[in-house]
């Protein structure tokens, strides 16, 4: 954990709304920080209007940037919607749905302004009072000339300067020769087919911060999409199972009522009694409703749930397949086999 002085020197987000969180501070480090309701987010917000992964804020190279992650209510910077990556400055107000913060970037309070006769960061101002009226000015004194350097010191410094100039000229000449030489060209393969290897490459400083941020955001979007697809497919399976069980139970009750009606009618007809009564078609009543009617209704509801679950499962499978095809097309790779 950083000392309090170091945390105060870092930029931060200060909560303005809702009121119960007002004044809470989130210190921004040099790493992406997710804002959302998900417990894995570095800035965890329990407001219902905030998406699970609402936005991402990161600081790199002395600049703070915000990007919306396709949230439901969107992200606003000073009242304007955030489109893509936008830089945040001191005093800007960010709205993540109902969650409002403002950005603060503290100034360096350790540095002071040098004053008269002082140098360095510890110097201070000094006020000189004017002389009283009638006071004669101080007598003028000629400045003393600096002491003469010895001939030996002058010769040593001149030799060192000449040697440094010669070394600099030699380095410039070597750099010019390397720049003038064209890079060696690699011979094509005997078959004349395409090659995907590269030759020698040189560089001094490489900055991959933007690439890493892009990969981080795209990976979060991809993971969120697949989590949503998995949850939808689970709900579809539950609907299919529930509908199937309801159809089996309701159909069984309805079939039992019909079979009972046929058996009782046949027995009454074979008894030879001319005054027999025809039994109910849908069996006995429960609460004034025939048992067969209840079974038929349960079976019908089961069929509806079964159809809805199958359609939902087909739609989620199609969405996942389309997402994988788009991703493979963007990366110029064949889609995964099915």
C-alpha atoms as a PDB file:
ATOM      1  CA  UNK A   1       0.000   0.000   0.000  1.00  0.00           C
ATOM      2  CA  UNK A   2       1.380   3.419  -0.939  1.00  0.00           C
ATOM      3  CA  UNK A   3       1.987   6.039   1.754  1.00  0.00           C
ATOM      4  CA  UNK A   4      -0.695   8.747   2.115  1.00  0.00           C
ATOM      5  CA  UNK A   5       1.613  11.360   0.565  1.00  0.00           C
ATOM      6  CA  UNK A   6       2.011   9.251  -2.582  1.00  0.00           C
ATOM      7  CA  UNK A   7      -1.728   8.547  -2.845  1.00  0.00           C
ATOM      8  CA  UNK A   8      -2.474  12.270  -2.535  1.00  0.00           C
ATOM      9  CA  UNK A   9      -0.096  12.943  -5.436  1.00  0.00           C
ATOM     10  CA  UNK A  10      -1.984  10.496  -7.704  1.00  0.00           C
ATOM     11  CA  UNK A  11      -5.059  11.459  -9.734  1.00  0.00           C
ATOM     12  CA  UNK A  12      -8.368  10.316  -8.345  1.00  0.00           C
ATOM     13  CA  UNK A  13     -12.108  10.148  -8.885  1.00  0.00           C
ATOM     14  CA  UNK A  14     -14.272  11.754  -6.183  1.00  0.00           C
ATOM     15  CA  UNK A  15     -17.908  10.639  -5.892  1.00  0.00           C
ATOM     16  CA  UNK A  16     -20.582  13.374  -6.169  1.00  0.00           C
ATOM     17  CA  UNK A  17     -23.725  11.273  -6.531  1.00  0.00           C
ATOM     18  CA  UNK A  18     -25.436   9.293  -4.957  1.00  0.00           C
ATOM     19  CA  UNK A  19     -25.387  11.182  -1.685  1.00  0.00           C
ATOM     20  CA  UNK A  20     -24.577   8.169   0.498  1.00  0.00           C
ATOM     21  CA  UNK A  21     -21.268   7.746  -1.375  1.00  0.00           C
ATOM     22  CA  UNK A  22     -20.415  11.458  -1.708  1.00  0.00           C
ATOM     23  CA  UNK A  23     -16.797  12.198  -0.960  1.00  0.00           C
ATOM     24  CA  UNK A  24     -15.538   8.654  -1.517  1.00  0.00           C
ATOM     25  CA  UNK A  25     -12.211   8.659  -3.383  1.00  0.00           C
ATOM     26  CA  UNK A  26     -10.900   6.160  -5.951  1.00  0.00           C
ATOM     27  CA  UNK A  27      -7.163   6.578  -6.621  1.00  0.00           C
ATOM     28  CA  UNK A  28      -6.145   5.883 -10.236  1.00  0.00           C
ATOM     29  CA  UNK A  29      -2.982   3.844 -10.773  1.00  0.00           C
ATOM     30  CA  UNK A  30      -1.181   3.016 -14.037  1.00  0.00           C
ATOM     31  CA  UNK A  31      -3.519   0.139 -14.864  1.00  0.00           C
ATOM     32  CA  UNK A  32      -7.036  -0.174 -16.337  1.00  0.00           C
ATOM     33  CA  UNK A  33      -9.796   0.159 -13.738  1.00  0.00           C
ATOM     34  CA  UNK A  34     -13.259  -1.224 -14.511  1.00  0.00           C
ATOM     35  CA  UNK A  35     -16.391   0.588 -13.310  1.00  0.00           C
ATOM     36  CA  UNK A  36     -19.527  -1.504 -12.774  1.00  0.00           C
ATOM     37  CA  UNK A  37     -21.690  -3.684 -10.547  1.00  0.00           C
ATOM     38  CA  UNK A  38     -19.544  -6.785 -11.030  1.00  0.00           C
ATOM     39  CA  UNK A  39     -17.577  -7.772  -7.946  1.00  0.00           C
ATOM     40  CA  UNK A  40     -14.456  -8.096 -10.122  1.00  0.00           C
ATOM     41  CA  UNK A  41     -14.531  -4.363 -10.988  1.00  0.00           C
ATOM     42  CA  UNK A  42     -11.894  -2.190  -9.323  1.00  0.00           C
ATOM     43  CA  UNK A  43     -14.511   0.588  -8.902  1.00  0.00           C
ATOM     44  CA  UNK A  44     -17.460  -1.454  -7.639  1.00  0.00           C
ATOM     45  CA  UNK A  45     -20.816   0.376  -7.731  1.00  0.00           C
ATOM     46  CA  UNK A  46     -23.982  -1.231  -6.396  1.00  0.00           C
ATOM     47  CA  UNK A  47     -26.407   1.090  -8.203  1.00  0.00           C
ATOM     48  CA  UNK A  48     -29.043  -0.678 -10.374  1.00  0.00           C
ATOM     49  CA  UNK A  49     -28.598   1.838 -13.212  1.00  0.00           C
ATOM     50  CA  UNK A  50     -24.911   0.892 -13.607  1.00  0.00           C
ATOM     51  CA  UNK A  51     -24.085  -2.030 -15.902  1.00  0.00           C
ATOM     52  CA  UNK A  52     -22.074  -5.032 -14.712  1.00  0.00           C
ATOM     53  CA  UNK A  53     -19.082  -3.760 -16.700  1.00  0.00           C
ATOM     54  CA  UNK A  54     -20.022  -0.174 -17.427  1.00  0.00           C
ATOM     55  CA  UNK A  55     -16.774   1.558 -18.446  1.00  0.00           C
ATOM     56  CA  UNK A  56     -13.004   1.428 -18.075  1.00  0.00           C
ATOM     57  CA  UNK A  57     -10.728   4.232 -16.844  1.00  0.00           C
ATOM     58  CA  UNK A  58      -6.957   4.066 -17.139  1.00  0.00           C
ATOM     59  CA  UNK A  59      -3.959   6.328 -16.787  1.00  0.00           C
ATOM     60  CA  UNK A  60      -0.875   6.032 -18.969  1.00  0.00           C
ATOM     61  CA  UNK A  61       1.911   8.418 -19.868  1.00  0.00           C
ATOM     62  CA  UNK A  62       0.503  11.188 -17.686  1.00  0.00           C
ATOM     63  CA  UNK A  63      -2.932  11.090 -19.392  1.00  0.00           C
ATOM     64  CA  UNK A  64      -6.220   9.681 -18.084  1.00  0.00           C
ATOM     65  CA  UNK A  65      -8.665   8.123 -20.557  1.00  0.00           C
ATOM     66  CA  UNK A  66     -12.225   6.790 -20.251  1.00  0.00           C
ATOM     67  CA  UNK A  67     -14.120   4.420 -22.567  1.00  0.00           C
ATOM     68  CA  UNK A  68     -17.681   3.122 -22.373  1.00  0.00           C
ATOM     69  CA  UNK A  69     -18.073  -0.680 -22.577  1.00  0.00           C
ATOM     70  CA  UNK A  70     -21.434  -0.740 -24.405  1.00  0.00           C
ATOM     71  CA  UNK A  71     -23.294  -0.056 -21.154  1.00  0.00           C
ATOM     72  CA  UNK A  72     -27.081   0.195 -20.955  1.00  0.00           C
ATOM     73  CA  UNK A  73     -27.315   3.804 -19.743  1.00  0.00           C
ATOM     74  CA  UNK A  74     -24.069   4.972 -21.334  1.00  0.00           C
ATOM     75  CA  UNK A  75     -21.215   7.097 -19.999  1.00  0.00           C
ATOM     76  CA  UNK A  76     -21.159  10.910 -20.161  1.00  0.00           C
ATOM     77  CA  UNK A  77     -18.226  13.323 -19.938  1.00  0.00           C
ATOM     78  CA  UNK A  78     -19.374  16.807 -18.902  1.00  0.00           C
ATOM     79  CA  UNK A  79     -22.874  15.952 -20.137  1.00  0.00           C
ATOM     80  CA  UNK A  80     -21.772  14.607 -23.539  1.00  0.00           C
ATOM     81  CA  UNK A  81     -21.858  10.888 -24.445  1.00  0.00           C
ATOM     82  CA  UNK A  82     -18.475   9.150 -24.451  1.00  0.00           C
ATOM     83  CA  UNK A  83     -17.769   7.713 -27.897  1.00  0.00           C
ATOM     84  CA  UNK A  84     -14.630   5.616 -28.092  1.00  0.00           C
ATOM     85  CA  UNK A  85     -11.660   6.680 -25.975  1.00  0.00           C
ATOM     86  CA  UNK A  86     -11.742  10.234 -24.571  1.00  0.00           C
ATOM     87  CA  UNK A  87      -9.171  11.975 -22.403  1.00  0.00           C
ATOM     88  CA  UNK A  88     -10.210  13.313 -18.998  1.00  0.00           C
ATOM     89  CA  UNK A  89      -8.875  16.559 -17.511  1.00  0.00           C
ATOM     90  CA  UNK A  90      -8.938  18.086 -14.042  1.00  0.00           C
ATOM     91  CA  UNK A  91     -12.428  19.175 -13.042  1.00  0.00           C
ATOM     92  CA  UNK A  92     -14.269  17.040 -15.615  1.00  0.00           C
ATOM     93  CA  UNK A  93     -17.478  15.328 -14.476  1.00  0.00           C
ATOM     94  CA  UNK A  94     -18.120  11.689 -15.419  1.00  0.00           C
ATOM     95  CA  UNK A  95     -21.596  10.124 -15.269  1.00  0.00           C
ATOM     96  CA  UNK A  96     -21.745   6.316 -15.260  1.00  0.00           C
ATOM     97  CA  UNK A  97     -25.548   6.181 -15.349  1.00  0.00           C
ATOM     98  CA  UNK A  98     -26.710   7.403 -11.904  1.00  0.00           C
ATOM     99  CA  UNK A  99     -23.143   7.213 -10.533  1.00  0.00           C
ATOM    100  CA  UNK A 100     -21.480  10.650 -10.838  1.00  0.00           C
ATOM    101  CA  UNK A 101     -17.833  11.484 -10.069  1.00  0.00           C
ATOM    102  CA  UNK A 102     -15.449  14.317 -10.839  1.00  0.00           C
ATOM    103  CA  UNK A 103     -11.789  13.964 -11.764  1.00  0.00           C
ATOM    104  CA  UNK A 104      -9.011  15.577  -9.735  1.00  0.00           C
ATOM    105  CA  UNK A 105      -5.356  15.687 -10.623  1.00  0.00           C
ATOM    106  CA  UNK A 106      -3.432  17.269  -7.689  1.00  0.00           C
ATOM    107  CA  UNK A 107      -0.685  19.748  -8.410  1.00  0.00           C
ATOM    108  CA  UNK A 108       2.836  19.239  -7.160  1.00  0.00           C
ATOM    109  CA  UNK A 109       2.886  21.210  -3.914  1.00  0.00           C
ATOM    110  CA  UNK A 110       6.541  20.462  -3.119  1.00  0.00           C
ATOM    111  CA  UNK A 111       8.034  22.836  -5.696  1.00  0.00           C
ATOM    112  CA  UNK A 112       8.494  26.553  -4.821  1.00  0.00           C
ATOM    113  CA  UNK A 113       9.462  29.588  -6.860  1.00  0.00           C
ATOM    114  CA  UNK A 114      13.120  30.642  -6.541  1.00  0.00           C
ATOM    115  CA  UNK A 115      13.668  34.060  -5.053  1.00  0.00           C
ATOM    116  CA  UNK A 116      16.433  36.635  -5.111  1.00  0.00           C
ATOM    117  CA  UNK A 117      19.851  35.151  -4.558  1.00  0.00           C
ATOM    118  CA  UNK A 118      18.629  31.545  -4.224  1.00  0.00           C
ATOM    119  CA  UNK A 119      18.431  28.559  -6.530  1.00  0.00           C
ATOM    120  CA  UNK A 120      16.837  25.125  -6.400  1.00  0.00           C
ATOM    121  CA  UNK A 121      13.475  23.903  -5.086  1.00  0.00           C
ATOM    122  CA  UNK A 122      14.048  25.205  -1.528  1.00  0.00           C
ATOM    123  CA  UNK A 123      14.492  28.835  -2.564  1.00  0.00           C
ATOM    124  CA  UNK A 124      11.941  31.423  -1.403  1.00  0.00           C
ATOM    125  CA  UNK A 125      10.988  35.035  -2.126  1.00  0.00           C
ATOM    126  CA  UNK A 126      12.693  37.880  -0.267  1.00  0.00           C
ATOM    127  CA  UNK A 127      11.335  41.427   0.036  1.00  0.00           C
ATOM    128  CA  UNK A 128      13.857  44.290   0.188  1.00  0.00           C
ATOM    129  CA  UNK A 129      12.667  47.482   1.908  1.00  0.00           C
ATOM    130  CA  UNK A 130      13.454  50.779   0.100  1.00  0.00           C
ATOM    131  CA  UNK A 131      15.943  53.131   1.801  1.00  0.00           C
ATOM    132  CA  UNK A 132      14.480  56.039   3.815  1.00  0.00           C
ATOM    133  CA  UNK A 133      14.279  59.445   2.112  1.00  0.00           C
ATOM    134  CA  UNK A 134      17.452  61.456   2.179  1.00  0.00           C
ATOM    135  CA  UNK A 135      19.764  58.468   2.570  1.00  0.00           C
ATOM    136  CA  UNK A 136      22.721  58.739   0.165  1.00  0.00           C
ATOM    137  CA  UNK A 137      23.290  55.738  -2.096  1.00  0.00           C
ATOM    138  CA  UNK A 138      26.131  53.399  -1.185  1.00  0.00           C
ATOM    139  CA  UNK A 139      29.463  54.104  -2.851  1.00  0.00           C
ATOM    140  CA  UNK A 140      30.129  52.241  -6.054  1.00  0.00           C
ATOM    141  CA  UNK A 141      32.734  49.533  -5.885  1.00  0.00           C
ATOM    142  CA  UNK A 142      34.208  47.942  -9.005  1.00  0.00           C
ATOM    143  CA  UNK A 143      33.763  44.194  -9.230  1.00  0.00           C
ATOM    144  CA  UNK A 144      36.824  42.110  -8.794  1.00  0.00           C
ATOM    145  CA  UNK A 145      37.933  40.181 -11.871  1.00  0.00           C
ATOM    146  CA  UNK A 146      37.882  36.398 -11.509  1.00  0.00           C
ATOM    147  CA  UNK A 147      41.174  34.802 -10.676  1.00  0.00           C
ATOM    148  CA  UNK A 148      43.260  33.812 -13.646  1.00  0.00           C
ATOM    149  CA  UNK A 149      43.387  30.128 -14.346  1.00  0.00           C
ATOM    150  CA  UNK A 150      46.704  28.508 -14.539  1.00  0.00           C
ATOM    151  CA  UNK A 151      48.109  27.565 -17.910  1.00  0.00           C
ATOM    152  CA  UNK A 152      48.086  23.868 -17.011  1.00  0.00           C
ATOM    153  CA  UNK A 153      44.332  23.814 -16.204  1.00  0.00           C
ATOM    154  CA  UNK A 154      43.544  25.664 -19.414  1.00  0.00           C
ATOM    155  CA  UNK A 155      45.534  23.186 -21.476  1.00  0.00           C
ATOM    156  CA  UNK A 156      43.838  20.194 -19.820  1.00  0.00           C
ATOM    157  CA  UNK A 157      40.362  21.592 -20.454  1.00  0.00           C
ATOM    158  CA  UNK A 158      41.192  22.401 -24.064  1.00  0.00           C
ATOM    159  CA  UNK A 159      42.498  18.858 -24.634  1.00  0.00           C
ATOM    160  CA  UNK A 160      39.375  17.318 -23.043  1.00  0.00           C
ATOM    161  CA  UNK A 161      37.080  19.480 -25.181  1.00  0.00           C
ATOM    162  CA  UNK A 162      38.983  18.555 -28.355  1.00  0.00           C
ATOM    163  CA  UNK A 163      38.804  14.837 -27.502  1.00  0.00           C
ATOM    164  CA  UNK A 164      35.032  15.052 -26.837  1.00  0.00           C
ATOM    165  CA  UNK A 165      34.503  16.837 -30.156  1.00  0.00           C
ATOM    166  CA  UNK A 166      36.477  14.137 -32.002  1.00  0.00           C
ATOM    167  CA  UNK A 167      34.435  11.350 -30.360  1.00  0.00           C
ATOM    168  CA  UNK A 168      31.157  13.080 -31.251  1.00  0.00           C
ATOM    169  CA  UNK A 169      32.271  13.520 -34.869  1.00  0.00           C
ATOM    170  CA  UNK A 170      33.250   9.829 -35.078  1.00  0.00           C
ATOM    171  CA  UNK A 171      29.873   8.747 -33.689  1.00  0.00           C
ATOM    172  CA  UNK A 172      28.010  10.952 -36.183  1.00  0.00           C
ATOM    173  CA  UNK A 173      30.053   9.551 -39.059  1.00  0.00           C
ATOM    174  CA  UNK A 174      29.369   5.947 -37.979  1.00  0.00           C
ATOM    175  CA  UNK A 175      25.644   6.668 -37.654  1.00  0.00           C
ATOM    176  CA  UNK A 176      25.596   8.223 -41.123  1.00  0.00           C
ATOM    177  CA  UNK A 177      27.302   5.180 -42.642  1.00  0.00           C
ATOM    178  CA  UNK A 178      24.797   2.814 -41.004  1.00  0.00           C
ATOM    179  CA  UNK A 179      21.883   4.910 -42.251  1.00  0.00           C
ATOM    180  CA  UNK A 180      23.303   5.074 -45.792  1.00  0.00           C
ATOM    181  CA  UNK A 181      23.661   1.294 -46.083  1.00  0.00           C
ATOM    182  CA  UNK A 182      20.445  -0.315 -47.405  1.00  0.00           C
ATOM    183  CA  UNK A 183      19.083  -3.236 -45.397  1.00  0.00           C
ATOM    184  CA  UNK A 184      19.900  -6.661 -46.847  1.00  0.00           C
ATOM    185  CA  UNK A 185      17.101  -8.108 -48.904  1.00  0.00           C
ATOM    186  CA  UNK A 186      16.184 -11.694 -48.317  1.00  0.00           C
ATOM    187  CA  UNK A 187      16.086 -14.032 -51.271  1.00  0.00           C
ATOM    188  CA  UNK A 188      12.632 -15.383 -52.157  1.00  0.00           C
ATOM    189  CA  UNK A 189      12.020 -19.111 -51.662  1.00  0.00           C
ATOM    190  CA  UNK A 190      12.745 -21.426 -54.587  1.00  0.00           C
ATOM    191  CA  UNK A 191       9.079 -22.256 -55.080  1.00  0.00           C
ATOM    192  CA  UNK A 192       8.087 -18.601 -55.409  1.00  0.00           C
ATOM    193  CA  UNK A 193       5.308 -18.940 -52.809  1.00  0.00           C
ATOM    194  CA  UNK A 194       4.434 -16.340 -50.163  1.00  0.00           C
ATOM    195  CA  UNK A 195       6.563 -16.002 -47.040  1.00  0.00           C
ATOM    196  CA  UNK A 196       5.421 -14.889 -43.641  1.00  0.00           C
ATOM    197  CA  UNK A 197       8.750 -14.474 -41.825  1.00  0.00           C
ATOM    198  CA  UNK A 198      10.447 -11.108 -41.335  1.00  0.00           C
ATOM    199  CA  UNK A 199      14.050 -10.076 -41.462  1.00  0.00           C
ATOM    200  CA  UNK A 200      16.117  -8.278 -38.877  1.00  0.00           C
ATOM    201  CA  UNK A 201      14.287  -5.449 -37.154  1.00  0.00           C
ATOM    202  CA  UNK A 202      15.756  -2.912 -34.764  1.00  0.00           C
ATOM    203  CA  UNK A 203      14.167  -0.381 -32.449  1.00  0.00           C
ATOM    204  CA  UNK A 204      15.168   1.606 -29.399  1.00  0.00           C
ATOM    205  CA  UNK A 205      11.958   2.232 -27.451  1.00  0.00           C
ATOM    206  CA  UNK A 206       8.657   0.445 -28.028  1.00  0.00           C
ATOM    207  CA  UNK A 207       5.422   1.621 -26.432  1.00  0.00           C
ATOM    208  CA  UNK A 208       2.682  -1.011 -26.470  1.00  0.00           C
ATOM    209  CA  UNK A 209       0.371   0.673 -23.960  1.00  0.00           C
ATOM    210  CA  UNK A 210      -2.351   1.406 -26.528  1.00  0.00           C
ATOM    211  CA  UNK A 211      -2.228  -2.165 -27.823  1.00  0.00           C
ATOM    212  CA  UNK A 212      -2.449  -3.607 -24.308  1.00  0.00           C
ATOM    213  CA  UNK A 213      -5.390  -1.338 -23.452  1.00  0.00           C
ATOM    214  CA  UNK A 214      -7.214  -2.325 -26.650  1.00  0.00           C
ATOM    215  CA  UNK A 215      -6.621  -6.025 -25.999  1.00  0.00           C
ATOM    216  CA  UNK A 216      -7.807  -5.646 -22.403  1.00  0.00           C
ATOM    217  CA  UNK A 217     -11.049  -3.907 -23.413  1.00  0.00           C
ATOM    218  CA  UNK A 218     -11.770  -6.316 -26.286  1.00  0.00           C
ATOM    219  CA  UNK A 219     -11.118  -9.323 -24.040  1.00  0.00           C
ATOM    220  CA  UNK A 220     -13.526  -7.934 -21.433  1.00  0.00           C
ATOM    221  CA  UNK A 221     -16.197  -7.432 -24.109  1.00  0.00           C
ATOM    222  CA  UNK A 222     -15.661 -10.943 -25.451  1.00  0.00           C
ATOM    223  CA  UNK A 223     -15.835 -12.510 -21.975  1.00  0.00           C
ATOM    224  CA  UNK A 224     -18.984 -10.543 -21.143  1.00  0.00           C
ATOM    225  CA  UNK A 225     -20.672 -11.646 -24.376  1.00  0.00           C
ATOM    226  CA  UNK A 226     -19.897 -15.315 -23.785  1.00  0.00           C
ATOM    227  CA  UNK A 227     -21.066 -15.102 -20.169  1.00  0.00           C
ATOM    228  CA  UNK A 228     -24.370 -13.658 -21.378  1.00  0.00           C
ATOM    229  CA  UNK A 229     -24.692 -16.410 -24.010  1.00  0.00           C
ATOM    230  CA  UNK A 230     -23.975 -19.116 -21.407  1.00  0.00           C
ATOM    231  CA  UNK A 231     -26.587 -17.712 -19.012  1.00  0.00           C
ATOM    232  CA  UNK A 232     -29.208 -17.535 -21.781  1.00  0.00           C
ATOM    233  CA  UNK A 233     -28.532 -21.109 -22.875  1.00  0.00           C
ATOM    234  CA  UNK A 234     -28.874 -22.273 -19.263  1.00  0.00           C
ATOM    235  CA  UNK A 235     -32.282 -20.585 -19.012  1.00  0.00           C
ATOM    236  CA  UNK A 236     -33.297 -22.201 -22.311  1.00  0.00           C
ATOM    237  CA  UNK A 237     -32.361 -25.660 -20.998  1.00  0.00           C
ATOM    238  CA  UNK A 238     -34.387 -25.059 -17.840  1.00  0.00           C
ATOM    239  CA  UNK A 239     -37.414 -24.021 -19.900  1.00  0.00           C
ATOM    240  CA  UNK A 240     -37.086 -27.105 -22.114  1.00  0.00           C
ATOM    241  CA  UNK A 241     -36.832 -29.448 -19.119  1.00  0.00           C
ATOM    242  CA  UNK A 242     -39.736 -27.788 -17.264  1.00  0.00           C
ATOM    243  CA  UNK A 243     -41.939 -27.803 -20.358  1.00  0.00           C
ATOM    244  CA  UNK A 244     -41.204 -31.443 -21.080  1.00  0.00           C
ATOM    245  CA  UNK A 245     -42.047 -32.512 -17.512  1.00  0.00           C
ATOM    246  CA  UNK A 246     -45.263 -30.453 -17.524  1.00  0.00           C
ATOM    247  CA  UNK A 247     -46.274 -31.971 -20.860  1.00  0.00           C
ATOM    248  CA  UNK A 248     -45.657 -35.523 -19.606  1.00  0.00           C
ATOM    249  CA  UNK A 249     -47.520 -35.025 -16.302  1.00  0.00           C
ATOM    250  CA  UNK A 250     -50.451 -33.111 -17.814  1.00  0.00           C
ATOM    251  CA  UNK A 251     -50.760 -35.503 -20.743  1.00  0.00           C
ATOM    252  CA  UNK A 252     -50.733 -38.468 -18.374  1.00  0.00           C
ATOM    253  CA  UNK A 253     -53.549 -37.006 -16.245  1.00  0.00           C
ATOM    254  CA  UNK A 254     -55.604 -36.156 -19.327  1.00  0.00           C
ATOM    255  CA  UNK A 255     -55.065 -39.637 -20.796  1.00  0.00           C
ATOM    256  CA  UNK A 256     -56.041 -41.288 -17.496  1.00  0.00           C
ATOM    257  CA  UNK A 257     -59.327 -39.317 -17.474  1.00  0.00           C
ATOM    258  CA  UNK A 258     -60.172 -40.427 -21.028  1.00  0.00           C
ATOM    259  CA  UNK A 259     -59.311 -44.080 -20.353  1.00  0.00           C
ATOM    260  CA  UNK A 260     -61.395 -44.043 -17.154  1.00  0.00           C
ATOM    261  CA  UNK A 261     -64.383 -42.655 -19.075  1.00  0.00           C
ATOM    262  CA  UNK A 262     -64.109 -45.403 -21.712  1.00  0.00           C
ATOM    263  CA  UNK A 263     -63.792 -48.190 -19.111  1.00  0.00           C
ATOM    264  CA  UNK A 264     -66.747 -46.987 -16.988  1.00  0.00           C
ATOM    265  CA  UNK A 265     -68.959 -46.477 -20.013  1.00  0.00           C
ATOM    266  CA  UNK A 266     -68.166 -49.981 -21.290  1.00  0.00           C
ATOM    267  CA  UNK A 267     -68.870 -51.553 -17.899  1.00  0.00           C
ATOM    268  CA  UNK A 268     -72.196 -49.749 -17.592  1.00  0.00           C
ATOM    269  CA  UNK A 269     -73.263 -50.821 -21.086  1.00  0.00           C
ATOM    270  CA  UNK A 270     -72.406 -54.474 -20.416  1.00  0.00           C
ATOM    271  CA  UNK A 271     -74.271 -54.513 -17.112  1.00  0.00           C
ATOM    272  CA  UNK A 272     -77.632 -54.553 -18.917  1.00  0.00           C
ATOM    273  CA  UNK A 273     -79.112 -51.870 -16.710  1.00  0.00           C
ATOM    274  CA  UNK A 274     -81.300 -49.634 -18.904  1.00  0.00           C
ATOM    275  CA  UNK A 275     -81.084 -46.735 -16.425  1.00  0.00           C
ATOM    276  CA  UNK A 276     -77.307 -46.397 -16.291  1.00  0.00           C
ATOM    277  CA  UNK A 277     -75.857 -42.886 -16.397  1.00  0.00           C
ATOM    278  CA  UNK A 278     -73.021 -41.841 -18.654  1.00  0.00           C
ATOM    279  CA  UNK A 279     -69.965 -40.858 -16.546  1.00  0.00           C
ATOM    280  CA  UNK A 280     -68.162 -37.542 -17.008  1.00  0.00           C
ATOM    281  CA  UNK A 281     -65.863 -37.392 -20.010  1.00  0.00           C
ATOM    282  CA  UNK A 282     -63.003 -35.657 -18.166  1.00  0.00           C
ATOM    283  CA  UNK A 283     -63.229 -37.659 -14.961  1.00  0.00           C
ATOM    284  CA  UNK A 284     -64.059 -36.523 -11.436  1.00  0.00           C
ATOM    285  CA  UNK A 285     -63.961 -32.878 -10.424  1.00  0.00           C
ATOM    286  CA  UNK A 286     -61.480 -31.193  -8.087  1.00  0.00           C
ATOM    287  CA  UNK A 287     -62.688 -27.845  -6.826  1.00  0.00           C
ATOM    288  CA  UNK A 288     -65.372 -27.810  -9.496  1.00  0.00           C
ATOM    289  CA  UNK A 289     -62.866 -28.421 -12.335  1.00  0.00           C
ATOM    290  CA  UNK A 290     -62.594 -31.827 -14.032  1.00  0.00           C
ATOM    291  CA  UNK A 291     -59.273 -33.594 -13.555  1.00  0.00           C
ATOM    292  CA  UNK A 292     -58.939 -34.153 -17.297  1.00  0.00           C
ATOM    293  CA  UNK A 293     -59.261 -30.408 -17.962  1.00  0.00           C
ATOM    294  CA  UNK A 294     -56.518 -29.676 -15.424  1.00  0.00           C
ATOM    295  CA  UNK A 295     -54.226 -32.232 -17.060  1.00  0.00           C
ATOM    296  CA  UNK A 296     -54.934 -30.809 -20.512  1.00  0.00           C
ATOM    297  CA  UNK A 297     -54.087 -27.251 -19.342  1.00  0.00           C
ATOM    298  CA  UNK A 298     -50.830 -28.384 -17.707  1.00  0.00           C
ATOM    299  CA  UNK A 299     -49.842 -30.256 -20.875  1.00  0.00           C
ATOM    300  CA  UNK A 300     -50.600 -27.181 -23.012  1.00  0.00           C
ATOM    301  CA  UNK A 301     -48.448 -24.971 -20.768  1.00  0.00           C
ATOM    302  CA  UNK A 302     -45.658 -27.538 -20.993  1.00  0.00           C
ATOM    303  CA  UNK A 303     -45.802 -27.438 -24.801  1.00  0.00           C
ATOM    304  CA  UNK A 304     -45.519 -23.623 -24.771  1.00  0.00           C
ATOM    305  CA  UNK A 305     -42.522 -23.709 -22.407  1.00  0.00           C
ATOM    306  CA  UNK A 306     -40.904 -26.416 -24.505  1.00  0.00           C
ATOM    307  CA  UNK A 307     -41.272 -24.385 -27.721  1.00  0.00           C
ATOM    308  CA  UNK A 308     -39.984 -21.180 -26.080  1.00  0.00           C
ATOM    309  CA  UNK A 309     -36.945 -22.985 -24.659  1.00  0.00           C
ATOM    310  CA  UNK A 310     -36.091 -24.582 -28.017  1.00  0.00           C
ATOM    311  CA  UNK A 311     -36.383 -21.239 -29.860  1.00  0.00           C
ATOM    312  CA  UNK A 312     -34.257 -19.457 -27.231  1.00  0.00           C
ATOM    313  CA  UNK A 313     -31.592 -22.153 -27.443  1.00  0.00           C
ATOM    314  CA  UNK A 314     -31.488 -21.889 -31.254  1.00  0.00           C
ATOM    315  CA  UNK A 315     -31.208 -18.083 -31.121  1.00  0.00           C
ATOM    316  CA  UNK A 316     -28.327 -18.116 -28.615  1.00  0.00           C
ATOM    317  CA  UNK A 317     -26.473 -20.746 -30.621  1.00  0.00           C
ATOM    318  CA  UNK A 318     -26.918 -18.650 -33.770  1.00  0.00           C
ATOM    319  CA  UNK A 319     -25.649 -15.498 -32.009  1.00  0.00           C
ATOM    320  CA  UNK A 320     -22.548 -17.275 -30.772  1.00  0.00           C
ATOM    321  CA  UNK A 321     -21.854 -18.756 -34.191  1.00  0.00           C
ATOM    322  CA  UNK A 322     -22.250 -15.355 -35.867  1.00  0.00           C
ATOM    323  CA  UNK A 323     -19.945 -13.722 -33.303  1.00  0.00           C
ATOM    324  CA  UNK A 324     -17.258 -16.352 -33.894  1.00  0.00           C
ATOM    325  CA  UNK A 325     -17.550 -15.934 -37.675  1.00  0.00           C
ATOM    326  CA  UNK A 326     -17.205 -12.134 -37.411  1.00  0.00           C
ATOM    327  CA  UNK A 327     -14.222 -12.495 -35.104  1.00  0.00           C
ATOM    328  CA  UNK A 328     -12.575 -15.035 -37.418  1.00  0.00           C
ATOM    329  CA  UNK A 329     -13.213 -12.799 -40.429  1.00  0.00           C
ATOM    330  CA  UNK A 330     -11.641  -9.843 -38.631  1.00  0.00           C
ATOM    331  CA  UNK A 331      -8.580 -11.908 -37.721  1.00  0.00           C
ATOM    332  CA  UNK A 332      -8.492 -13.665 -41.132  1.00  0.00           C
ATOM    333  CA  UNK A 333      -8.773 -17.076 -39.509  1.00  0.00           C
ATOM    334  CA  UNK A 334     -11.131 -19.965 -40.352  1.00  0.00           C
ATOM    335  CA  UNK A 335     -14.112 -20.296 -37.974  1.00  0.00           C
ATOM    336  CA  UNK A 336     -13.996 -23.125 -35.425  1.00  0.00           C
ATOM    337  CA  UNK A 337     -15.530 -26.410 -36.652  1.00  0.00           C
ATOM    338  CA  UNK A 338     -18.992 -27.380 -35.458  1.00  0.00           C
END
